Protein backbone atom coordinates (compact mmCIF):
# COMPACT_ATOMS: atom_id res chain seq x y z
CA UNK A 1 -29.85 -21.72 -12.31
CA UNK A 2 -27.89 -24.83 -13.07
CA UNK A 3 -28.19 -28.18 -11.32
CA UNK A 4 -26.23 -28.31 -8.03
CA UNK A 5 -23.29 -30.68 -7.68
CA UNK A 6 -20.94 -31.53 -4.83
CA UNK A 7 -17.49 -30.10 -4.31
CA UNK A 8 -14.99 -31.97 -2.16
CA UNK A 9 -13.11 -29.74 0.29
CA UNK A 10 -11.75 -29.76 3.81
CA UNK A 11 -13.94 -29.19 6.85
CA UNK A 12 -11.95 -26.01 7.58
CA UNK A 13 -12.91 -24.58 4.19
CA UNK A 14 -16.54 -25.60 4.63
CA UNK A 15 -16.62 -23.96 8.07
CA UNK A 16 -15.22 -20.74 6.62
CA UNK A 17 -17.74 -20.82 3.78
CA UNK A 18 -20.57 -21.28 6.29
CA UNK A 19 -19.39 -18.23 8.23
CA UNK A 20 -19.00 -16.08 5.11
CA UNK A 21 -22.42 -17.14 3.81
CA UNK A 22 -24.08 -16.44 7.16
CA UNK A 23 -22.46 -13.00 7.38
CA UNK A 24 -23.82 -12.17 3.93
CA UNK A 25 -27.24 -13.66 4.58
CA UNK A 26 -26.91 -16.23 1.81
CA UNK A 27 -26.16 -19.92 1.30
CA UNK A 28 -22.82 -21.57 0.55
CA UNK A 29 -24.05 -22.36 -2.97
CA UNK A 30 -25.06 -18.74 -3.64
CA UNK A 31 -21.77 -17.52 -2.15
CA UNK A 32 -19.77 -19.81 -4.43
CA UNK A 33 -21.82 -18.74 -7.45
CA UNK A 34 -21.12 -15.09 -6.61
CA UNK A 35 -17.40 -15.71 -6.18
CA UNK A 36 -17.16 -17.74 -9.39
CA UNK A 37 -18.97 -15.09 -11.43
CA UNK A 38 -16.86 -12.27 -9.98
CA UNK A 39 -13.41 -13.83 -10.48
CA UNK A 40 -12.01 -13.27 -13.97
CA UNK A 41 -10.28 -15.97 -15.97
CA UNK A 42 -6.92 -15.24 -17.59
CA UNK A 43 -8.64 -14.95 -20.98
CA UNK A 44 -11.21 -12.49 -19.60
CA UNK A 45 -8.44 -10.39 -18.01
CA UNK A 46 -6.55 -10.35 -21.29
CA UNK A 47 -9.65 -9.33 -23.25
CA UNK A 48 -10.37 -6.50 -20.80
CA UNK A 49 -6.77 -5.32 -20.96
CA UNK A 50 -6.92 -5.16 -24.76
CA UNK A 51 -10.24 -3.29 -24.60
CA UNK A 52 -8.92 -0.85 -21.97
CA UNK A 53 -5.77 -0.16 -23.98
CA UNK A 54 -7.89 0.53 -27.07
CA UNK A 55 -10.12 2.93 -25.12
CA UNK A 56 -7.02 4.76 -23.87
CA UNK A 57 -5.45 4.82 -27.31
CA UNK A 58 -2.51 2.71 -26.11
CA UNK A 59 -0.85 0.16 -28.36
CA UNK A 60 -1.28 -3.20 -26.58
CA UNK A 61 2.36 -4.24 -26.94
CA UNK A 62 4.22 -7.10 -25.30
CA UNK A 63 5.59 -4.56 -22.79
CA UNK A 64 2.06 -3.42 -21.85
CA UNK A 65 0.96 -7.07 -21.60
CA UNK A 66 3.79 -7.88 -19.15
CA UNK A 67 3.11 -4.73 -17.12
CA UNK A 68 -0.50 -5.89 -16.77
CA UNK A 69 0.55 -9.38 -15.72
CA UNK A 70 2.90 -7.89 -13.13
CA UNK A 71 0.08 -5.71 -11.80
CA UNK A 72 -2.28 -8.71 -11.43
CA UNK A 73 0.48 -10.68 -9.68
CA UNK A 74 0.92 -7.84 -7.18
CA UNK A 75 -2.83 -7.65 -6.61
CA UNK A 76 -3.06 -11.41 -5.98
CA UNK A 77 -0.05 -11.31 -3.64
CA UNK A 78 -1.61 -8.44 -1.73
CA UNK A 79 -4.86 -10.41 -1.42
CA UNK A 80 -2.95 -13.40 -0.05
CA UNK A 81 -3.19 -15.44 -3.26
CA UNK A 82 -0.37 -16.81 -5.34
CA UNK A 83 1.47 -14.52 -7.69
CA UNK A 84 1.53 -15.62 -11.31
């Protein structure tokens, strides 16, 4: 485990994190570590898309790339995040 550090955020966010951590029987730090490890970066998403296309025997063209980006944007919008 790495050395803890502080993260500046609003009291509303901290209150929500406390609730989520308590519901899961964990700490805010462990909750944040779980969320950070679960969320993919753009580069990780791209790598997985290329790997998935290869497994399916699909040419990873620009059209396939854009279809994937559109799908992620719809997922984020559905989850209440910002669409890319």
